[in-house]
């Protein structure tokens, strides 16, 4: 599988999955997720997928500053409903990494490893998403400001030509290059930019 080199430069996310450990799937239950995994799950690479990846990575870093995040032990609440805009795309990436599902996930074994009732929509949260640790209740709100990493000026013209079928092979390649260049800047140059991925700790009432 060939893909842009910058996919491997994007932040990686390490998770501890007790179910994977219990079933002997991976040694110690340690799973490493890379941006290319998100691309495979989504079927494409775009600013939304990159933003979902970075929001998840930054939120987990904030919630687990000293420890490896535990997959299946994190609740995620979305401000918007599941069919609003790109919410569903973002939710799929969040589920990939955290294991959180609404009601379609693994039901567990003898009361353990249940992945259901961890993903919710239309929630009253301060930002686009809220990640909450089940063990201690620590939570952070997170939003991606994608507009702070704009496309190149001629993106609209290239996209219009490609969508309408007027583009030559050369124009199509240029569109793909320009499209992925914005994603690259997000994942590499702005991976830790607090103006792009905004995190707010949630203080208990």
N, C-alpha and C. Protein backbone atom coordinates (compact mmCIF):
# COMPACT_ATOMS: atom_id res chain seq x y z
N UNK A 1 0.84 -1.19 0.00
CA UNK A 1 0.00 0.00 0.00
C UNK A 1 0.88 1.25 0.00
N UNK A 2 0.71 2.08 -1.00
CA UNK A 2 1.49 3.31 -1.11
C UNK A 2 0.64 4.49 -0.69
N UNK A 3 1.22 5.39 0.07
CA UNK A 3 0.50 6.57 0.55
C UNK A 3 1.52 7.68 0.79
N UNK A 4 1.06 8.91 0.97
CA UNK A 4 2.00 10.03 1.17
C UNK A 4 2.90 9.80 2.38
N UNK A 5 4.16 10.18 2.26
CA UNK A 5 5.14 9.96 3.33
C UNK A 5 4.73 10.61 4.65
N UNK A 6 4.02 11.74 4.57
CA UNK A 6 3.71 12.46 5.80
C UNK A 6 2.75 11.69 6.70
N UNK A 7 2.04 10.69 6.17
CA UNK A 7 1.16 9.88 7.02
C UNK A 7 1.97 9.32 8.20
N UNK A 8 3.21 8.94 7.92
CA UNK A 8 4.05 8.34 8.96
C UNK A 8 4.65 9.38 9.90
N UNK A 9 4.56 10.65 9.54
CA UNK A 9 5.05 11.72 10.40
C UNK A 9 3.99 12.21 11.37
N UNK A 10 2.75 11.86 11.13
CA UNK A 10 1.66 12.31 11.99
C UNK A 10 1.78 11.68 13.38
N UNK A 11 1.24 12.33 14.40
CA UNK A 11 1.29 11.75 15.75
C UNK A 11 0.69 10.34 15.78
N UNK A 12 1.32 9.49 16.56
CA UNK A 12 0.79 8.13 16.76
C UNK A 12 0.11 8.06 18.11
N UNK A 13 -0.82 7.16 18.26
CA UNK A 13 -1.58 7.05 19.50
C UNK A 13 -1.41 5.63 20.04
N UNK A 14 -0.89 5.52 21.24
CA UNK A 14 -0.73 4.23 21.90
C UNK A 14 -1.84 4.04 22.92
N UNK A 15 -2.49 2.89 22.87
CA UNK A 15 -3.59 2.58 23.78
C UNK A 15 -3.32 1.25 24.49
N UNK A 16 -3.83 1.15 25.71
CA UNK A 16 -3.85 -0.13 26.41
C UNK A 16 -5.26 -0.68 26.33
N UNK A 17 -5.41 -1.86 25.77
CA UNK A 17 -6.72 -2.49 25.64
C UNK A 17 -6.75 -3.76 26.47
N UNK A 18 -7.42 -3.76 27.63
CA UNK A 18 -7.46 -4.94 28.49
C UNK A 18 -8.12 -6.13 27.83
N UNK A 19 -9.06 -5.89 26.91
CA UNK A 19 -9.69 -6.99 26.19
C UNK A 19 -8.70 -7.67 25.26
N UNK A 20 -7.90 -6.87 24.56
CA UNK A 20 -6.87 -7.43 23.68
C UNK A 20 -5.87 -8.26 24.47
N UNK A 21 -5.54 -7.77 25.67
CA UNK A 21 -4.63 -8.52 26.53
C UNK A 21 -5.29 -9.82 27.01
N UNK A 22 -6.53 -9.73 27.44
CA UNK A 22 -7.26 -10.89 27.96
C UNK A 22 -7.37 -12.00 26.92
N UNK A 23 -7.61 -11.61 25.68
CA UNK A 23 -7.80 -12.59 24.61
C UNK A 23 -6.50 -12.95 23.90
N UNK A 24 -5.40 -12.39 24.35
CA UNK A 24 -4.11 -12.73 23.75
C UNK A 24 -3.91 -12.18 22.36
N UNK A 25 -4.61 -11.09 22.03
CA UNK A 25 -4.52 -10.54 20.68
C UNK A 25 -3.19 -9.85 20.44
N UNK A 26 -2.72 -9.10 21.43
CA UNK A 26 -1.44 -8.41 21.33
C UNK A 26 -0.76 -8.47 22.69
N UNK A 27 0.56 -8.54 22.69
CA UNK A 27 1.30 -8.66 23.94
C UNK A 27 1.06 -7.46 24.85
N UNK A 28 0.65 -7.74 26.06
CA UNK A 28 0.42 -6.71 27.04
C UNK A 28 -0.78 -5.83 26.78
N UNK A 29 -1.51 -6.12 25.72
CA UNK A 29 -2.67 -5.30 25.38
C UNK A 29 -2.33 -3.94 24.82
N UNK A 30 -1.09 -3.74 24.40
CA UNK A 30 -0.65 -2.43 23.89
C UNK A 30 -0.87 -2.35 22.38
N UNK A 31 -1.67 -1.37 21.98
CA UNK A 31 -1.98 -1.16 20.57
C UNK A 31 -1.45 0.20 20.13
N UNK A 32 -0.84 0.25 18.97
CA UNK A 32 -0.40 1.52 18.41
C UNK A 32 -1.20 1.84 17.17
N UNK A 33 -1.82 3.02 17.19
CA UNK A 33 -2.60 3.47 16.04
C UNK A 33 -1.83 4.57 15.32
N UNK A 34 -1.85 4.49 13.99
CA UNK A 34 -1.21 5.49 13.14
C UNK A 34 -2.26 6.16 12.28
N UNK A 35 -1.92 7.32 11.76
CA UNK A 35 -2.89 8.05 10.93
C UNK A 35 -3.37 7.20 9.76
N UNK A 36 -2.51 6.38 9.20
CA UNK A 36 -2.93 5.54 8.08
C UNK A 36 -4.05 4.60 8.49
N UNK A 37 -4.14 4.23 9.76
CA UNK A 37 -5.26 3.41 10.23
C UNK A 37 -6.57 4.18 10.14
N UNK A 38 -6.52 5.47 10.46
CA UNK A 38 -7.71 6.31 10.34
C UNK A 38 -8.11 6.45 8.88
N UNK A 39 -7.12 6.57 8.00
CA UNK A 39 -7.39 6.68 6.57
C UNK A 39 -8.07 5.40 6.06
N UNK A 40 -7.59 4.27 6.52
CA UNK A 40 -8.20 3.00 6.12
C UNK A 40 -9.64 2.92 6.62
N UNK A 41 -9.86 3.36 7.84
CA UNK A 41 -11.21 3.29 8.42
C UNK A 41 -12.17 4.21 7.68
N UNK A 42 -11.69 5.42 7.33
CA UNK A 42 -12.54 6.39 6.65
C UNK A 42 -12.62 6.15 5.15
N UNK A 43 -11.58 5.54 4.60
CA UNK A 43 -11.51 5.34 3.16
C UNK A 43 -10.93 6.54 2.43
N UNK A 44 -10.49 7.54 3.17
CA UNK A 44 -9.90 8.73 2.54
C UNK A 44 -9.14 9.53 3.59
N UNK A 45 -8.35 10.48 3.11
CA UNK A 45 -7.62 11.41 3.96
C UNK A 45 -8.06 12.82 3.64
N UNK A 46 -8.55 13.54 4.65
CA UNK A 46 -9.05 14.88 4.44
C UNK A 46 -8.88 15.68 5.73
N UNK A 47 -9.13 16.98 5.71
CA UNK A 47 -9.01 17.76 6.93
C UNK A 47 -9.92 17.28 8.05
N UNK A 48 -11.09 16.77 7.74
CA UNK A 48 -11.98 16.26 8.78
C UNK A 48 -11.38 15.06 9.47
N UNK A 49 -10.86 14.11 8.71
CA UNK A 49 -10.24 12.92 9.29
C UNK A 49 -9.01 13.32 10.09
N UNK A 50 -8.20 14.22 9.54
CA UNK A 50 -7.01 14.69 10.25
C UNK A 50 -7.41 15.41 11.54
N UNK A 51 -8.45 16.24 11.47
CA UNK A 51 -8.91 16.94 12.65
C UNK A 51 -9.41 15.99 13.72
N UNK A 52 -10.15 14.96 13.30
CA UNK A 52 -10.63 13.95 14.25
C UNK A 52 -9.46 13.23 14.91
N UNK A 53 -8.45 12.93 14.12
CA UNK A 53 -7.26 12.25 14.63
C UNK A 53 -6.55 13.11 15.67
N UNK A 54 -6.35 14.37 15.35
CA UNK A 54 -5.65 15.26 16.27
C UNK A 54 -6.47 15.56 17.52
N UNK A 55 -7.77 15.73 17.37
CA UNK A 55 -8.62 15.96 18.55
C UNK A 55 -8.53 14.78 19.51
N UNK A 56 -8.58 13.58 18.94
CA UNK A 56 -8.49 12.38 19.78
C UNK A 56 -7.13 12.28 20.46
N UNK A 57 -6.08 12.50 19.69
CA UNK A 57 -4.72 12.42 20.24
C UNK A 57 -4.50 13.44 21.35
N UNK A 58 -4.89 14.69 21.11
CA UNK A 58 -4.66 15.75 22.09
C UNK A 58 -5.53 15.54 23.34
N UNK A 59 -6.76 15.10 23.16
CA UNK A 59 -7.64 14.87 24.31
C UNK A 59 -7.10 13.75 25.19
N UNK A 60 -6.61 12.69 24.58
CA UNK A 60 -6.07 11.57 25.36
C UNK A 60 -4.80 11.98 26.08
N UNK A 61 -3.98 12.79 25.44
CA UNK A 61 -2.77 13.29 26.11
C UNK A 61 -3.13 14.10 27.34
N UNK A 62 -4.19 14.92 27.22
CA UNK A 62 -4.60 15.75 28.35
C UNK A 62 -5.20 14.91 29.48
N UNK A 63 -5.91 13.86 29.14
CA UNK A 63 -6.55 13.03 30.16
C UNK A 63 -5.59 12.05 30.82
N UNK A 64 -4.57 11.64 30.08
CA UNK A 64 -3.61 10.66 30.59
C UNK A 64 -2.18 11.22 30.46
N UNK A 65 -1.85 12.25 31.20
CA UNK A 65 -0.53 12.88 31.03
C UNK A 65 0.64 11.98 31.39
N UNK A 66 0.42 11.01 32.25
CA UNK A 66 1.50 10.13 32.69
C UNK A 66 1.31 8.67 32.29
N UNK A 67 0.12 8.32 31.86
CA UNK A 67 -0.20 6.91 31.62
C UNK A 67 -0.64 6.68 30.18
N UNK A 68 -0.67 5.42 29.80
CA UNK A 68 -1.21 5.03 28.50
C UNK A 68 -2.73 5.02 28.61
N UNK A 69 -3.45 5.67 27.72
CA UNK A 69 -4.91 5.67 27.78
C UNK A 69 -5.47 4.25 27.67
N UNK A 70 -6.56 4.03 28.38
CA UNK A 70 -7.18 2.70 28.37
C UNK A 70 -8.34 2.67 27.39
N UNK A 71 -8.22 1.83 26.40
CA UNK A 71 -9.28 1.67 25.40
C UNK A 71 -10.48 0.97 26.05
N UNK A 72 -11.66 1.49 25.79
CA UNK A 72 -12.86 0.92 26.39
C UNK A 72 -13.21 1.53 27.73
N UNK A 73 -12.43 2.51 28.17
CA UNK A 73 -12.67 3.14 29.48
C UNK A 73 -12.84 4.65 29.33
N UNK A 74 -13.25 5.07 28.14
CA UNK A 74 -13.39 6.50 27.86
C UNK A 74 -14.75 6.75 27.22
N UNK A 75 -15.48 7.70 27.80
CA UNK A 75 -16.77 8.11 27.24
C UNK A 75 -16.54 9.33 26.35
N UNK A 76 -17.26 9.38 25.22
CA UNK A 76 -17.14 10.51 24.31
C UNK A 76 -18.52 11.05 23.99
N UNK A 77 -18.69 12.35 24.20
CA UNK A 77 -19.95 13.03 23.91
C UNK A 77 -19.75 14.04 22.79
N UNK A 78 -20.66 14.03 21.82
CA UNK A 78 -20.64 14.96 20.70
C UNK A 78 -21.72 16.01 20.88
N UNK A 79 -21.39 17.24 20.55
CA UNK A 79 -22.39 18.31 20.66
C UNK A 79 -23.51 18.12 19.65
N UNK A 80 -23.17 17.68 18.44
CA UNK A 80 -24.16 17.56 17.37
C UNK A 80 -24.73 16.14 17.28
N UNK A 81 -25.83 16.01 16.54
CA UNK A 81 -26.40 14.68 16.37
C UNK A 81 -25.57 13.88 15.37
N UNK A 82 -25.81 12.58 15.34
CA UNK A 82 -24.94 11.66 14.60
C UNK A 82 -24.94 11.92 13.10
N UNK A 83 -26.03 12.50 12.56
CA UNK A 83 -26.11 12.70 11.12
C UNK A 83 -25.83 14.14 10.71
N UNK A 84 -25.41 14.96 11.64
CA UNK A 84 -25.13 16.36 11.35
C UNK A 84 -23.74 16.53 10.77
N UNK A 85 -23.67 17.14 9.58
CA UNK A 85 -22.38 17.45 8.97
C UNK A 85 -21.43 16.26 8.91
N UNK A 86 -20.24 16.46 9.47
CA UNK A 86 -19.21 15.41 9.44
C UNK A 86 -19.09 14.69 10.78
N UNK A 87 -20.11 14.84 11.63
CA UNK A 87 -20.06 14.22 12.96
C UNK A 87 -19.82 12.72 12.87
N UNK A 88 -20.51 12.05 11.94
CA UNK A 88 -20.37 10.60 11.81
C UNK A 88 -18.96 10.18 11.42
N UNK A 89 -18.34 10.97 10.55
CA UNK A 89 -16.96 10.67 10.14
C UNK A 89 -16.02 10.77 11.34
N UNK A 90 -16.18 11.85 12.11
CA UNK A 90 -15.34 12.03 13.29
C UNK A 90 -15.58 10.92 14.30
N UNK A 91 -16.84 10.56 14.49
CA UNK A 91 -17.18 9.50 15.46
C UNK A 91 -16.53 8.18 15.09
N UNK A 92 -16.45 7.88 13.81
CA UNK A 92 -15.82 6.61 13.39
C UNK A 92 -14.34 6.57 13.77
N UNK A 93 -13.66 7.70 13.66
CA UNK A 93 -12.25 7.76 14.03
C UNK A 93 -12.10 7.64 15.54
N UNK A 94 -12.96 8.33 16.27
CA UNK A 94 -12.95 8.25 17.73
C UNK A 94 -13.17 6.81 18.20
N UNK A 95 -14.12 6.14 17.57
CA UNK A 95 -14.41 4.74 17.93
C UNK A 95 -13.22 3.84 17.63
N UNK A 96 -12.58 4.06 16.49
CA UNK A 96 -11.41 3.27 16.12
C UNK A 96 -10.38 3.27 17.23
N UNK A 97 -10.09 4.45 17.77
CA UNK A 97 -9.02 4.59 18.75
C UNK A 97 -9.48 4.23 20.16
N UNK A 98 -10.62 4.75 20.57
CA UNK A 98 -11.05 4.58 21.97
C UNK A 98 -11.88 3.34 22.22
N UNK A 99 -12.45 2.77 21.15
CA UNK A 99 -13.34 1.62 21.31
C UNK A 99 -14.75 1.99 21.71
N UNK A 100 -15.00 3.26 21.97
CA UNK A 100 -16.31 3.70 22.44
C UNK A 100 -17.38 3.56 21.35
N UNK A 101 -18.51 2.95 21.70
CA UNK A 101 -19.65 2.87 20.79
C UNK A 101 -20.92 3.21 21.55
N UNK A 102 -21.97 3.48 20.80
CA UNK A 102 -23.26 3.78 21.43
C UNK A 102 -23.93 2.49 21.89
N UNK A 103 -24.38 1.68 20.92
CA UNK A 103 -25.01 0.41 21.31
C UNK A 103 -24.64 -0.74 20.39
N UNK A 104 -23.63 -0.53 19.54
CA UNK A 104 -23.25 -1.56 18.57
C UNK A 104 -21.95 -2.27 18.91
N UNK A 105 -21.33 -1.91 20.01
CA UNK A 105 -20.03 -2.47 20.35
C UNK A 105 -20.11 -3.81 21.05
N UNK A 106 -18.93 -4.28 21.43
CA UNK A 106 -18.81 -5.57 22.13
C UNK A 106 -19.58 -5.52 23.44
N UNK A 107 -20.35 -6.58 23.72
CA UNK A 107 -21.21 -6.61 24.91
C UNK A 107 -20.47 -7.01 26.17
N UNK A 108 -19.24 -7.47 26.03
CA UNK A 108 -18.46 -7.80 27.20
C UNK A 108 -18.50 -9.27 27.58
N UNK A 109 -17.70 -9.59 28.58
CA UNK A 109 -17.61 -10.95 29.09
C UNK A 109 -17.76 -10.90 30.61
N UNK A 110 -18.81 -11.53 31.10
CA UNK A 110 -19.04 -11.58 32.55
C UNK A 110 -18.98 -10.20 33.19
N UNK A 111 -19.57 -9.22 32.50
CA UNK A 111 -19.61 -7.88 33.04
C UNK A 111 -18.38 -7.04 32.79
N UNK A 112 -17.40 -7.57 32.09
CA UNK A 112 -16.17 -6.84 31.79
C UNK A 112 -16.06 -6.57 30.29
N UNK A 113 -15.31 -5.53 29.95
CA UNK A 113 -14.95 -5.21 28.57
C UNK A 113 -16.13 -4.71 27.71
N UNK A 114 -17.22 -4.27 28.31
CA UNK A 114 -18.37 -3.77 27.56
C UNK A 114 -17.99 -2.45 26.89
N UNK A 115 -18.18 -2.38 25.57
CA UNK A 115 -17.81 -1.17 24.82
C UNK A 115 -19.04 -0.33 24.45
N UNK A 116 -20.20 -0.73 24.94
CA UNK A 116 -21.42 0.00 24.62
C UNK A 116 -21.64 1.15 25.61
N UNK A 117 -22.56 2.04 25.23
CA UNK A 117 -22.95 3.17 26.09
C UNK A 117 -21.76 4.04 26.49
N UNK A 118 -20.88 4.24 25.53
CA UNK A 118 -19.73 5.11 25.74
C UNK A 118 -19.66 6.25 24.72
N UNK A 119 -20.57 6.25 23.76
CA UNK A 119 -20.56 7.25 22.69
C UNK A 119 -21.96 7.86 22.59
N UNK A 120 -22.03 9.21 22.72
CA UNK A 120 -23.33 9.87 22.75
C UNK A 120 -23.32 11.11 21.87
N UNK A 121 -24.49 11.45 21.37
CA UNK A 121 -24.65 12.59 20.47
C UNK A 121 -25.68 13.57 21.04
N UNK A 122 -25.70 14.77 20.45
CA UNK A 122 -26.62 15.83 20.89
C UNK A 122 -26.46 16.11 22.38
N UNK A 123 -25.22 16.12 22.83
CA UNK A 123 -24.93 16.32 24.24
C UNK A 123 -24.67 17.79 24.54
N UNK A 124 -24.92 18.18 25.76
CA UNK A 124 -24.66 19.56 26.20
C UNK A 124 -23.21 19.65 26.68
N UNK A 125 -22.33 19.91 25.74
CA UNK A 125 -20.90 20.01 26.05
C UNK A 125 -20.37 21.36 25.59
N UNK A 126 -19.25 21.77 26.16
CA UNK A 126 -18.72 23.09 25.90
C UNK A 126 -18.11 23.28 24.53
N UNK A 127 -17.58 22.21 23.96
CA UNK A 127 -16.94 22.29 22.65
C UNK A 127 -17.52 21.21 21.74
N UNK A 128 -16.82 20.91 20.66
CA UNK A 128 -17.33 19.95 19.69
C UNK A 128 -17.47 18.55 20.27
N UNK A 129 -16.49 18.14 21.07
CA UNK A 129 -16.49 16.82 21.71
C UNK A 129 -16.07 16.95 23.16
N UNK A 130 -16.49 15.97 23.95
CA UNK A 130 -16.00 15.84 25.32
C UNK A 130 -15.54 14.40 25.54
N UNK A 131 -14.30 14.26 26.03
CA UNK A 131 -13.75 12.96 26.38
C UNK A 131 -13.72 12.87 27.91
N UNK A 132 -14.24 11.77 28.45
CA UNK A 132 -14.30 11.61 29.90
C UNK A 132 -13.75 10.25 30.30
N UNK A 133 -12.85 10.23 31.28
CA UNK A 133 -12.35 8.97 31.82
C UNK A 133 -13.40 8.36 32.74
N UNK A 134 -13.66 7.08 32.56
CA UNK A 134 -14.65 6.41 33.41
C UNK A 134 -14.12 6.19 34.82
N UNK A 135 -12.80 6.02 34.97
CA UNK A 135 -12.26 5.65 36.28
C UNK A 135 -12.26 6.79 37.28
N UNK A 136 -11.96 8.01 36.82
CA UNK A 136 -11.87 9.11 37.78
C UNK A 136 -12.72 10.32 37.41
N UNK A 137 -13.43 10.26 36.28
CA UNK A 137 -14.33 11.34 35.90
C UNK A 137 -13.66 12.55 35.28
N UNK A 138 -12.34 12.53 35.13
CA UNK A 138 -11.65 13.65 34.49
C UNK A 138 -12.15 13.80 33.05
N UNK A 139 -12.33 15.06 32.62
CA UNK A 139 -12.90 15.29 31.29
C UNK A 139 -12.27 16.51 30.64
N UNK A 140 -12.23 16.49 29.31
CA UNK A 140 -11.79 17.64 28.54
C UNK A 140 -12.72 17.84 27.36
N UNK A 141 -12.95 19.11 27.02
CA UNK A 141 -13.68 19.46 25.81
C UNK A 141 -12.67 19.83 24.74
N UNK A 142 -12.97 19.50 23.50
CA UNK A 142 -12.01 19.72 22.42
C UNK A 142 -12.74 20.14 21.14
N UNK A 143 -12.10 21.04 20.41
CA UNK A 143 -12.62 21.50 19.11
C UNK A 143 -11.46 21.64 18.14
N UNK A 144 -11.71 21.34 16.87
CA UNK A 144 -10.72 21.56 15.82
C UNK A 144 -11.11 22.79 15.01
N UNK A 145 -10.22 23.77 14.94
CA UNK A 145 -10.45 24.96 14.12
C UNK A 145 -9.69 24.79 12.81
N UNK A 146 -10.32 24.05 11.90
CA UNK A 146 -9.67 23.73 10.63
C UNK A 146 -9.44 24.97 9.78
N UNK A 147 -10.26 26.00 9.98
CA UNK A 147 -10.12 27.20 9.17
C UNK A 147 -8.78 27.91 9.41
N UNK A 148 -8.11 27.55 10.49
CA UNK A 148 -6.82 28.18 10.79
C UNK A 148 -5.67 27.54 10.01
N UNK A 149 -5.99 26.50 9.24
CA UNK A 149 -5.02 25.92 8.30
C UNK A 149 -5.70 25.93 6.93
N UNK A 150 -5.71 27.06 6.25
CA UNK A 150 -6.47 27.20 5.01
C UNK A 150 -5.85 26.44 3.84
N UNK A 151 -6.69 26.22 2.84
CA UNK A 151 -6.23 25.58 1.60
C UNK A 151 -5.46 26.60 0.76
N UNK A 152 -4.73 26.10 -0.23
CA UNK A 152 -4.08 26.99 -1.19
C UNK A 152 -5.15 27.72 -2.00
N UNK A 153 -4.86 28.92 -2.47
CA UNK A 153 -5.88 29.77 -3.12
C UNK A 153 -6.60 29.12 -4.30
N UNK A 154 -5.91 28.27 -5.05
CA UNK A 154 -6.54 27.70 -6.24
C UNK A 154 -7.23 26.37 -5.97
N UNK A 155 -7.44 26.01 -4.72
CA UNK A 155 -8.09 24.74 -4.41
C UNK A 155 -9.51 24.67 -4.99
N UNK A 156 -10.27 25.74 -4.82
CA UNK A 156 -11.65 25.73 -5.31
C UNK A 156 -11.74 25.49 -6.80
N UNK A 157 -10.86 26.13 -7.54
CA UNK A 157 -10.84 25.97 -9.00
C UNK A 157 -10.49 24.54 -9.39
N UNK A 158 -9.50 23.96 -8.71
CA UNK A 158 -9.11 22.58 -9.01
C UNK A 158 -10.24 21.61 -8.67
N UNK A 159 -10.87 21.81 -7.51
CA UNK A 159 -11.94 20.90 -7.11
C UNK A 159 -13.11 20.97 -8.08
N UNK A 160 -13.46 22.17 -8.50
CA UNK A 160 -14.58 22.33 -9.44
C UNK A 160 -14.30 21.59 -10.74
N UNK A 161 -13.08 21.69 -11.22
CA UNK A 161 -12.73 21.00 -12.47
C UNK A 161 -12.81 19.50 -12.32
N UNK A 162 -12.37 18.99 -11.15
CA UNK A 162 -12.38 17.54 -10.92
C UNK A 162 -13.80 17.01 -10.71
N UNK A 163 -14.60 17.73 -9.96
CA UNK A 163 -15.96 17.28 -9.69
C UNK A 163 -16.81 17.24 -10.95
N UNK A 164 -16.63 18.22 -11.82
CA UNK A 164 -17.44 18.29 -13.04
C UNK A 164 -16.90 17.41 -14.16
N UNK A 165 -15.76 16.74 -13.92
CA UNK A 165 -15.21 15.85 -14.94
C UNK A 165 -14.42 16.56 -16.02
N UNK A 166 -14.11 17.84 -15.81
CA UNK A 166 -13.38 18.61 -16.83
C UNK A 166 -11.86 18.52 -16.65
N UNK A 167 -11.43 17.90 -15.58
CA UNK A 167 -10.01 17.92 -15.25
C UNK A 167 -9.22 16.89 -16.05
N UNK A 168 -8.04 17.29 -16.49
CA UNK A 168 -7.11 16.35 -17.11
C UNK A 168 -6.47 15.52 -16.01
N UNK A 169 -5.73 14.51 -16.40
CA UNK A 169 -5.03 13.69 -15.40
C UNK A 169 -4.05 14.55 -14.60
N UNK A 170 -3.42 15.50 -15.29
CA UNK A 170 -2.46 16.37 -14.61
C UNK A 170 -3.16 17.25 -13.57
N UNK A 171 -4.31 17.79 -13.92
CA UNK A 171 -5.07 18.62 -12.99
C UNK A 171 -5.57 17.79 -11.82
N UNK A 172 -6.00 16.56 -12.12
CA UNK A 172 -6.47 15.68 -11.04
C UNK A 172 -5.34 15.39 -10.05
N UNK A 173 -4.15 15.13 -10.56
CA UNK A 173 -3.00 14.88 -9.68
C UNK A 173 -2.67 16.12 -8.85
N UNK A 174 -2.75 17.30 -9.49
CA UNK A 174 -2.47 18.54 -8.77
C UNK A 174 -3.50 18.78 -7.66
N UNK A 175 -4.76 18.47 -7.96
CA UNK A 175 -5.80 18.59 -6.94
C UNK A 175 -5.48 17.70 -5.75
N UNK A 176 -5.12 16.44 -6.01
CA UNK A 176 -4.79 15.52 -4.93
C UNK A 176 -3.59 16.01 -4.12
N UNK A 177 -2.61 16.57 -4.81
CA UNK A 177 -1.42 17.07 -4.11
C UNK A 177 -1.78 18.22 -3.20
N UNK A 178 -2.55 19.17 -3.72
CA UNK A 178 -2.93 20.35 -2.95
C UNK A 178 -3.82 19.96 -1.78
N UNK A 179 -4.74 19.04 -2.03
CA UNK A 179 -5.64 18.56 -0.97
C UNK A 179 -4.85 17.95 0.18
N UNK A 180 -3.93 17.06 -0.15
CA UNK A 180 -3.14 16.39 0.88
C UNK A 180 -2.11 17.31 1.52
N UNK A 181 -1.70 18.36 0.83
CA UNK A 181 -0.76 19.31 1.43
C UNK A 181 -1.39 20.01 2.62
N UNK A 182 -2.67 20.34 2.51
CA UNK A 182 -3.34 20.95 3.66
C UNK A 182 -3.40 19.96 4.83
N UNK A 183 -3.70 18.70 4.53
CA UNK A 183 -3.72 17.68 5.57
C UNK A 183 -2.34 17.53 6.20
N UNK A 184 -1.31 17.54 5.37
CA UNK A 184 0.05 17.44 5.89
C UNK A 184 0.37 18.56 6.86
N UNK A 185 0.02 19.77 6.47
CA UNK A 185 0.30 20.91 7.35
C UNK A 185 -0.42 20.77 8.68
N UNK A 186 -1.64 20.26 8.64
CA UNK A 186 -2.38 20.05 9.89
C UNK A 186 -1.67 19.04 10.78
N UNK A 187 -1.31 17.90 10.19
CA UNK A 187 -0.80 16.77 10.98
C UNK A 187 0.67 16.91 11.38
N UNK A 188 1.42 17.68 10.63
CA UNK A 188 2.86 17.80 10.89
C UNK A 188 3.20 19.17 11.47
N UNK A 189 2.82 20.23 10.78
CA UNK A 189 3.20 21.58 11.22
C UNK A 189 2.33 22.10 12.36
N UNK A 190 1.08 21.64 12.42
CA UNK A 190 0.15 22.15 13.43
C UNK A 190 -0.34 21.06 14.39
N UNK A 191 0.39 19.97 14.48
CA UNK A 191 -0.05 18.85 15.32
C UNK A 191 -0.22 19.24 16.78
N UNK A 192 0.60 20.19 17.25
CA UNK A 192 0.53 20.62 18.64
C UNK A 192 0.17 22.10 18.76
N UNK A 193 -0.48 22.61 17.74
CA UNK A 193 -0.86 24.03 17.72
C UNK A 193 -2.13 24.23 18.54
N UNK A 194 -2.06 24.92 19.68
CA UNK A 194 -3.25 25.09 20.52
C UNK A 194 -4.30 26.00 19.90
N UNK A 195 -3.94 26.70 18.81
CA UNK A 195 -4.93 27.51 18.11
C UNK A 195 -5.74 26.67 17.12
N UNK A 196 -5.23 25.51 16.76
CA UNK A 196 -5.93 24.63 15.82
C UNK A 196 -6.75 23.58 16.58
N UNK A 197 -6.12 22.92 17.53
CA UNK A 197 -6.82 21.97 18.38
C UNK A 197 -6.92 22.58 19.78
N UNK A 198 -8.12 22.99 20.14
CA UNK A 198 -8.35 23.70 21.39
C UNK A 198 -8.88 22.74 22.44
N UNK A 199 -8.19 22.68 23.59
CA UNK A 199 -8.55 21.79 24.68
C UNK A 199 -8.93 22.62 25.91
N UNK A 200 -10.06 22.26 26.50
CA UNK A 200 -10.49 22.92 27.74
C UNK A 200 -10.78 21.84 28.79
N UNK A 201 -10.07 21.84 29.90
CA UNK A 201 -10.41 20.90 31.00
C UNK A 201 -11.82 21.21 31.51
N UNK A 202 -12.55 20.18 31.85
CA UNK A 202 -13.90 20.33 32.38
C UNK A 202 -13.81 20.17 33.89
N UNK A 203 -14.22 21.19 34.61
CA UNK A 203 -14.15 21.17 36.06
C UNK A 203 -15.46 20.65 36.63
N UNK A 204 -15.35 19.74 37.59
CA UNK A 204 -16.53 19.16 38.21
C UNK A 204 -17.35 20.25 38.89
N UNK A 205 -18.66 20.10 38.80
CA UNK A 205 -19.56 21.08 39.41
C UNK A 205 -19.50 20.96 40.94
